[in-house]
Amino acid sequence: MPRDITVHFDDRALEVMARLQVSTGLSLEQVFRDAIGFYEWARAQVESGKAIATVDHEENAVREYILPFSSDRSTH
């Protein structure tokens, strides 16, 4: 059963969400669902010892992204 939540965002986050809605043509609800799905996938990758990275084929470069997935947030 769906449940409602209240979340507060600053202006920058609201601008990002608006751009994502326009660029994807998705509802705000679907943008959130996709973001949560990606976060869940990325966290599972990191927890299994893998890295999250981008590949720039033009520059033949790979850049690893360090995401804040520590379960101990007090160290960050």
PDB file of N, CA and C in Angstrom:
ATOM      1  N   MET A   1       0.834  -1.178   0.000  1.00  0.00           N
ATOM      2  CA  MET A   1       0.000   0.000   0.000  1.00  0.00           C
ATOM      3  C   MET A   1       0.885   1.251   0.000  1.00  0.00           C
ATOM      4  N   PRO A   2       0.674   2.169  -0.923  1.00  0.00           N
ATOM      5  CA  PRO A   2       1.493   3.396  -0.968  1.00  0.00           C
ATOM      6  C   PRO A   2       1.312   4.234   0.287  1.00  0.00           C
ATOM      7  N   ARG A   3       2.415   4.892   0.681  1.00  0.00           N
ATOM      8  CA  ARG A   3       2.386   5.796   1.834  1.00  0.00           C
ATOM      9  C   ARG A   3       2.996   7.120   1.428  1.00  0.00           C
ATOM     10  N   ASP A   4       2.513   8.183   2.002  1.00  0.00           N
ATOM     11  CA  ASP A   4       3.041   9.520   1.738  1.00  0.00           C
ATOM     12  C   ASP A   4       4.153   9.833   2.719  1.00  0.00           C
ATOM     13  N   ILE A   5       5.154  10.583   2.227  1.00  0.00           N
ATOM     14  CA  ILE A   5       6.222  11.081   3.080  1.00  0.00           C
ATOM     15  C   ILE A   5       6.410  12.565   2.794  1.00  0.00           C
ATOM     16  N   THR A   6       6.988  13.266   3.737  1.00  0.00           N
ATOM     17  CA  THR A   6       7.313  14.676   3.549  1.00  0.00           C
ATOM     18  C   THR A   6       8.820  14.810   3.592  1.00  0.00           C
ATOM     19  N   VAL A   7       9.370  15.472   2.571  1.00  0.00           N
ATOM     20  CA  VAL A   7      10.808  15.671   2.480  1.00  0.00           C
ATOM     21  C   VAL A   7      11.052  17.148   2.177  1.00  0.00           C
ATOM     22  N   HIS A   8      12.043  17.725   2.821  1.00  0.00           N
ATOM     23  CA  HIS A   8      12.383  19.130   2.595  1.00  0.00           C
ATOM     24  C   HIS A   8      13.681  19.204   1.794  1.00  0.00           C
ATOM     25  N   PHE A   9      13.681  20.018   0.719  1.00  0.00           N
ATOM     26  CA  PHE A   9      14.841  20.182  -0.142  1.00  0.00           C
ATOM     27  C   PHE A   9      15.204  21.646  -0.247  1.00  0.00           C
ATOM     28  N   ASP A  10      16.502  21.917  -0.441  1.00  0.00           N
ATOM     29  CA  ASP A  10      16.922  23.287  -0.683  1.00  0.00           C
ATOM     30  C   ASP A  10      16.664  23.630  -2.157  1.00  0.00           C
ATOM     31  N   ASP A  11      16.877  24.903  -2.509  1.00  0.00           N
ATOM     32  CA  ASP A  11      16.583  25.363  -3.876  1.00  0.00           C
ATOM     33  C   ASP A  11      17.377  24.602  -4.931  1.00  0.00           C
ATOM     34  N   ARG A  12      18.632  24.300  -4.640  1.00  0.00           N
ATOM     35  CA  ARG A  12      19.459  23.591  -5.615  1.00  0.00           C
ATOM     36  C   ARG A  12      18.887  22.214  -5.924  1.00  0.00           C
ATOM     37  N   ALA A  13      18.494  21.494  -4.889  1.00  0.00           N
ATOM     38  CA  ALA A  13      17.926  20.163  -5.092  1.00  0.00           C
ATOM     39  C   ALA A  13      16.626  20.241  -5.879  1.00  0.00           C
ATOM     40  N   LEU A  14      15.808  21.237  -5.609  1.00  0.00           N
ATOM     41  CA  LEU A  14      14.565  21.407  -6.354  1.00  0.00           C
ATOM     42  C   LEU A  14      14.837  21.702  -7.821  1.00  0.00           C
ATOM     43  N   GLU A  15      15.877  22.489  -8.104  1.00  0.00           N
ATOM     44  CA  GLU A  15      16.256  22.775  -9.491  1.00  0.00           C
ATOM     45  C   GLU A  15      16.719  21.510 -10.199  1.00  0.00           C
ATOM     46  N   VAL A  16      17.505  20.688  -9.513  1.00  0.00           N
ATOM     47  CA  VAL A  16      17.970  19.428 -10.089  1.00  0.00           C
ATOM     48  C   VAL A  16      16.781  18.533 -10.414  1.00  0.00           C
ATOM     49  N   MET A  17      15.851  18.421  -9.486  1.00  0.00           N
ATOM     50  CA  MET A  17      14.678  17.575  -9.721  1.00  0.00           C
ATOM     51  C   MET A  17      13.855  18.087 -10.895  1.00  0.00           C
ATOM     52  N   ALA A  18      13.698  19.397 -11.002  1.00  0.00           N
ATOM     53  CA  ALA A  18      12.941  19.969 -12.115  1.00  0.00           C
ATOM     54  C   ALA A  18      13.636  19.678 -13.448  1.00  0.00           C
ATOM     55  N   ARG A  19      14.975  19.809 -13.480  1.00  0.00           N
ATOM     56  CA  ARG A  19      15.719  19.497 -14.718  1.00  0.00           C
ATOM     57  C   ARG A  19      15.572  18.029 -15.092  1.00  0.00           C
ATOM     58  N   LEU A  20      15.631  17.147 -14.079  1.00  0.00           N
ATOM     59  CA  LEU A  20      15.476  15.715 -14.354  1.00  0.00           C
ATOM     60  C   LEU A  20      14.084  15.405 -14.895  1.00  0.00           C
ATOM     61  N   GLN A  21      13.073  16.052 -14.357  1.00  0.00           N
ATOM     62  CA  GLN A  21      11.722  15.841 -14.862  1.00  0.00           C
ATOM     63  C   GLN A  21      11.623  16.258 -16.323  1.00  0.00           C
ATOM     64  N   VAL A  22      12.173  17.423 -16.656  1.00  0.00           N
ATOM     65  CA  VAL A  22      12.113  17.917 -18.028  1.00  0.00           C
ATOM     66  C   VAL A  22      12.925  17.030 -18.961  1.00  0.00           C
ATOM     67  N   SER A  23      14.148  16.691 -18.565  1.00  0.00           N
ATOM     68  CA  SER A  23      15.024  15.934 -19.467  1.00  0.00           C
ATOM     69  C   SER A  23      14.568  14.494 -19.658  1.00  0.00           C
ATOM     70  N   THR A  24      13.878  13.921 -18.672  1.00  0.00           N
ATOM     71  CA  THR A  24      13.429  12.537 -18.799  1.00  0.00           C
ATOM     72  C   THR A  24      11.980  12.419 -19.220  1.00  0.00           C
ATOM     73  N   GLY A  25      11.199  13.468 -19.005  1.00  0.00           N
ATOM     74  CA  GLY A  25       9.771  13.409 -19.289  1.00  0.00           C
ATOM     75  C   GLY A  25       9.014  12.574 -18.269  1.00  0.00           C
ATOM     76  N   LEU A  26       9.644  12.323 -17.116  1.00  0.00           N
ATOM     77  CA  LEU A  26       9.031  11.496 -16.084  1.00  0.00           C
ATOM     78  C   LEU A  26       8.361  12.349 -15.018  1.00  0.00           C
ATOM     79  N   SER A  27       7.461  11.745 -14.284  1.00  0.00           N
ATOM     80  CA  SER A  27       6.850  12.417 -13.143  1.00  0.00           C
ATOM     81  C   SER A  27       7.884  12.520 -12.023  1.00  0.00           C
ATOM     82  N   LEU A  28       7.643  13.418 -11.093  1.00  0.00           N
ATOM     83  CA  LEU A  28       8.539  13.550  -9.951  1.00  0.00           C
ATOM     84  C   LEU A  28       8.597  12.235  -9.179  1.00  0.00           C
ATOM     85  N   GLU A  29       7.472  11.577  -9.057  1.00  0.00           N
ATOM     86  CA  GLU A  29       7.431  10.283  -8.368  1.00  0.00           C
ATOM     87  C   GLU A  29       8.349   9.268  -9.047  1.00  0.00           C
ATOM     88  N   GLN A  30       8.338   9.218 -10.388  1.00  0.00           N
ATOM     89  CA  GLN A  30       9.185   8.258 -11.092  1.00  0.00           C
ATOM     90  C   GLN A  30      10.662   8.653 -11.018  1.00  0.00           C
ATOM     91  N   VAL A  31      10.954   9.955 -11.020  1.00  0.00           N
ATOM     92  CA  VAL A  31      12.342  10.403 -10.842  1.00  0.00           C
ATOM     93  C   VAL A  31      12.869   9.902  -9.503  1.00  0.00           C
ATOM     94  N   PHE A  32      12.075  10.031  -8.443  1.00  0.00           N
ATOM     95  CA  PHE A  32      12.478   9.537  -7.124  1.00  0.00           C
ATOM     96  C   PHE A  32      12.653   8.024  -7.133  1.00  0.00           C
ATOM     97  N   ARG A  33      11.720   7.312  -7.735  1.00  0.00           N
ATOM     98  CA  ARG A  33      11.834   5.852  -7.780  1.00  0.00           C
ATOM     99  C   ARG A  33      13.103   5.422  -8.510  1.00  0.00           C
ATOM    100  N   ASP A  34      13.377   6.069  -9.643  1.00  0.00           N
ATOM    101  CA  ASP A  34      14.593   5.737 -10.396  1.00  0.00           C
ATOM    102  C   ASP A  34      15.844   6.053  -9.583  1.00  0.00           C
ATOM    103  N   ALA A  35      15.844   7.197  -8.898  1.00  0.00           N
ATOM    104  CA  ALA A  35      16.999   7.582  -8.082  1.00  0.00           C
ATOM    105  C   ALA A  35      17.225   6.581  -6.953  1.00  0.00           C
ATOM    106  N   ILE A  36      16.162   6.158  -6.315  1.00  0.00           N
ATOM    107  CA  ILE A  36      16.286   5.181  -5.236  1.00  0.00           C
ATOM    108  C   ILE A  36      16.784   3.851  -5.792  1.00  0.00           C
ATOM    109  N   GLY A  37      16.273   3.452  -6.950  1.00  0.00           N
ATOM    110  CA  GLY A  37      16.731   2.212  -7.576  1.00  0.00           C
ATOM    111  C   GLY A  37      18.205   2.260  -7.931  1.00  0.00           C
ATOM    112  N   PHE A  38      18.658   3.401  -8.474  1.00  0.00           N
ATOM    113  CA  PHE A  38      20.068   3.544  -8.816  1.00  0.00           C
ATOM    114  C   PHE A  38      20.928   3.521  -7.558  1.00  0.00           C
ATOM    115  N   TYR A  39      20.503   4.211  -6.528  1.00  0.00           N
ATOM    116  CA  TYR A  39      21.253   4.254  -5.267  1.00  0.00           C
ATOM    117  C   TYR A  39      21.371   2.848  -4.674  1.00  0.00           C
ATOM    118  N   GLU A  40      20.278   2.110  -4.704  1.00  0.00           N
ATOM    119  CA  GLU A  40      20.295   0.748  -4.179  1.00  0.00           C
ATOM    120  C   GLU A  40      21.277  -0.121  -4.972  1.00  0.00           C
ATOM    121  N   TRP A  41      21.251  -0.011  -6.302  1.00  0.00           N
ATOM    122  CA  TRP A  41      22.161  -0.781  -7.158  1.00  0.00           C
ATOM    123  C   TRP A  41      23.619  -0.376  -6.894  1.00  0.00           C
ATOM    124  N   ALA A  42      23.891   0.929  -6.848  1.00  0.00           N
ATOM    125  CA  ALA A  42      25.255   1.411  -6.649  1.00  0.00           C
ATOM    126  C   ALA A  42      25.791   0.970  -5.294  1.00  0.00           C
ATOM    127  N   ARG A  43      24.966   1.055  -4.288  1.00  0.00           N
ATOM    128  CA  ARG A  43      25.399   0.625  -2.955  1.00  0.00           C
ATOM    129  C   ARG A  43      25.720  -0.862  -2.940  1.00  0.00           C
ATOM    130  N   ALA A  44      24.906  -1.673  -3.583  1.00  0.00           N
ATOM    131  CA  ALA A  44      25.159  -3.116  -3.653  1.00  0.00           C
ATOM    132  C   ALA A  44      26.475  -3.398  -4.376  1.00  0.00           C
ATOM    133  N   GLN A  45      26.778  -2.633  -5.420  1.00  0.00           N
ATOM    134  CA  GLN A  45      28.034  -2.822  -6.141  1.00  0.00           C
ATOM    135  C   GLN A  45      29.221  -2.547  -5.232  1.00  0.00           C
ATOM    136  N   VAL A  46      29.184  -1.419  -4.531  1.00  0.00           N
ATOM    137  CA  VAL A  46      30.279  -1.030  -3.644  1.00  0.00           C
ATOM    138  C   VAL A  46      30.419  -2.044  -2.507  1.00  0.00           C
ATOM    139  N   GLU A  47      29.299  -2.465  -1.937  1.00  0.00           N
ATOM    140  CA  GLU A  47      29.358  -3.413  -0.823  1.00  0.00           C
ATOM    141  C   GLU A  47      29.897  -4.777  -1.255  1.00  0.00           C
ATOM    142  N   SER A  48      29.790  -5.099  -2.546  1.00  0.00           N
ATOM    143  CA  SER A  48      30.325  -6.379  -3.025  1.00  0.00           C
ATOM    144  C   SER A  48      31.755  -6.246  -3.550  1.00  0.00           C
ATOM    145  N   GLY A  49      32.379  -5.076  -3.282  1.00  0.00           N
ATOM    146  CA  GLY A  49      33.778  -4.891  -3.639  1.00  0.00           C
ATOM    147  C   GLY A  49      34.012  -4.299  -5.016  1.00  0.00           C
ATOM    148  N   LYS A  50      32.957  -3.890  -5.693  1.00  0.00           N
ATOM    149  CA  LYS A  50      33.099  -3.292  -7.024  1.00  0.00           C
ATOM    150  C   LYS A  50      33.203  -1.780  -6.917  1.00  0.00           C
ATOM    151  N   ALA A  51      33.590  -1.145  -8.020  1.00  0.00           N
ATOM    152  CA  ALA A  51      33.709   0.312  -8.069  1.00  0.00           C
ATOM    153  C   ALA A  51      32.652   0.872  -9.019  1.00  0.00           C
ATOM    154  N   ILE A  52      32.226   2.088  -8.756  1.00  0.00           N
ATOM    155  CA  ILE A  52      31.337   2.822  -9.651  1.00  0.00           C
ATOM    156  C   ILE A  52      32.229   3.791 -10.419  1.00  0.00           C
ATOM    157  N   ALA A  53      32.178   3.738 -11.751  1.00  0.00           N
ATOM    158  CA  ALA A  53      33.103   4.546 -12.547  1.00  0.00           C
ATOM    159  C   ALA A  53      32.444   5.002 -13.842  1.00  0.00           C
ATOM    160  N   THR A  54      33.047   6.008 -14.461  1.00  0.00           N
ATOM    161  CA  THR A  54      32.655   6.425 -15.804  1.00  0.00           C
ATOM    162  C   THR A  54      33.832   6.170 -16.734  1.00  0.00           C
ATOM    163  N   VAL A  55      33.507   5.958 -17.997  1.00  0.00           N
ATOM    164  CA  VAL A  55      34.536   5.745 -19.009  1.00  0.00           C
ATOM    165  C   VAL A  55      34.396   6.845 -20.051  1.00  0.00           C
ATOM    166  N   ASP A  56      35.474   7.593 -20.281  1.00  0.00           N
ATOM    167  CA  ASP A  56      35.515   8.619 -21.323  1.00  0.00           C
ATOM    168  C   ASP A  56      36.263   8.006 -22.501  1.00  0.00           C
ATOM    169  N   HIS A  57      35.529   7.565 -23.497  1.00  0.00           N
ATOM    170  CA  HIS A  57      36.135   6.880 -24.634  1.00  0.00           C
ATOM    171  C   HIS A  57      36.999   7.812 -25.480  1.00  0.00           C
ATOM    172  N   GLU A  58      36.641   9.093 -25.555  1.00  0.00           N
ATOM    173  CA  GLU A  58      37.427  10.050 -26.333  1.00  0.00           C
ATOM    174  C   GLU A  58      38.801  10.272 -25.719  1.00  0.00           C
ATOM    175  N   GLU A  59      38.861  10.352 -24.378  1.00  0.00           N
ATOM    176  CA  GLU A  59      40.131  10.592 -23.693  1.00  0.00           C
ATOM    177  C   GLU A  59      40.757   9.310 -23.169  1.00  0.00           C
ATOM    178  N   ASN A  60      40.104   8.177 -23.409  1.00  0.00           N
ATOM    179  CA  ASN A  60      40.588   6.881 -22.940  1.00  0.00           C
ATOM    180  C   ASN A  60      40.899   6.939 -21.442  1.00  0.00           C
ATOM    181  N   ALA A  61      39.916   7.428 -20.678  1.00  0.00           N
ATOM    182  CA  ALA A  61      40.112   7.611 -19.238  1.00  0.00           C
ATOM    183  C   ALA A  61      38.958   6.996 -18.466  1.00  0.00           C
ATOM    184  N   VAL A  62      39.277   6.501 -17.283  1.00  0.00           N
ATOM    185  CA  VAL A  62      38.280   5.957 -16.367  1.00  0.00           C
ATOM    186  C   VAL A  62      38.366   6.746 -15.076  1.00  0.00           C
ATOM    187  N   ARG A  63      37.221   7.136 -14.553  1.00  0.00           N
ATOM    188  CA  ARG A  63      37.192   7.875 -13.287  1.00  0.00           C
ATOM    189  C   ARG A  63      36.282   7.133 -12.326  1.00  0.00           C
ATOM    190  N   GLU A  64      36.843   6.733 -11.203  1.00  0.00           N
ATOM    191  CA  GLU A  64      36.066   6.049 -10.177  1.00  0.00           C
ATOM    192  C   GLU A  64      35.363   7.081  -9.304  1.00  0.00           C
ATOM    193  N   TYR A  65      34.135   6.787  -8.930  1.00  0.00           N
ATOM    194  CA  TYR A  65      33.371   7.663  -8.058  1.00  0.00           C
ATOM    195  C   TYR A  65      33.265   7.046  -6.678  1.00  0.00           C
ATOM    196  N   ILE A  66      33.624   7.817  -5.683  1.00  0.00           N
ATOM    197  CA  ILE A  66      33.530   7.379  -4.298  1.00  0.00           C
ATOM    198  C   ILE A  66      32.216   7.927  -3.760  1.00  0.00           C
ATOM    199  N   LEU A  67      31.331   7.021  -3.401  1.00  0.00           N
ATOM    200  CA  LEU A  67      30.022   7.430  -2.922  1.00  0.00           C
ATOM    201  C   LEU A  67      29.941   7.224  -1.413  1.00  0.00           C
ATOM    202  N   PRO A  68      29.187   8.051  -0.725  1.00  0.00           N
ATOM    203  CA  PRO A  68      29.122   7.972   0.746  1.00  0.00           C
ATOM    204  C   PRO A  68      28.242   6.831   1.231  1.00  0.00           C
ATOM    205  N   PHE A  69      28.750   5.613   1.155  1.00  0.00           N
ATOM    206  CA  PHE A  69      27.967   4.456   1.520  1.00  0.00           C
ATOM    207  C   PHE A  69      28.357   3.838   2.855  1.00  0.00           C
ATOM    208  N   SER A  70      29.162   4.492   3.626  1.00  0.00           N
ATOM    209  CA  SER A  70      29.577   3.923   4.893  1.00  0.00           C
ATOM    210  C   SER A  70      28.385   3.778   5.822  1.00  0.00           C
ATOM    211  N   SER A  71      28.298   2.634   6.488  1.00  0.00           N
ATOM    212  CA  SER A  71      27.220   2.465   7.468  1.00  0.00           C
ATOM    213  C   SER A  71      27.536   3.243   8.742  1.00  0.00           C
ATOM    214  N   ASP A  72      28.799   3.635   8.913  1.00  0.00           N
ATOM    215  CA  ASP A  72      29.196   4.433  10.075  1.00  0.00           C
ATOM    216  C   ASP A  72      29.340   5.886   9.637  1.00  0.00           C
ATOM    217  N   ARG A  73      28.254   6.624   9.629  1.00  0.00           N
ATOM    218  CA  ARG A  73      28.249   8.012   9.152  1.00  0.00           C
ATOM    219  C   ARG A  73      29.062   8.946  10.043  1.00  0.00           C
ATOM    220  N   SER A  74      29.396   8.529  11.245  1.00  0.00           N
ATOM    221  CA  SER A  74      30.129   9.408  12.164  1.00  0.00           C
ATOM    222  C   SER A  74      31.549   9.662  11.690  1.00  0.00           C
ATOM    223  N   THR A  75      32.052   8.858  10.757  1.00  0.00           N
ATOM    224  CA  THR A  75      33.420   9.058  10.272  1.00  0.00           C
ATOM    225  C   THR A  75      33.469   9.943   9.043  1.00  0.00           C
ATOM    226  N   HIS A  76      32.318  10.437   8.584  1.00  0.00           N
ATOM    227  CA  HIS A  76      32.270  11.254   7.356  1.00  0.00           C
ATOM    228  C   HIS A  76      31.896  12.675   7.657  1.00  0.00           C
TER     229      HIS A  76
END
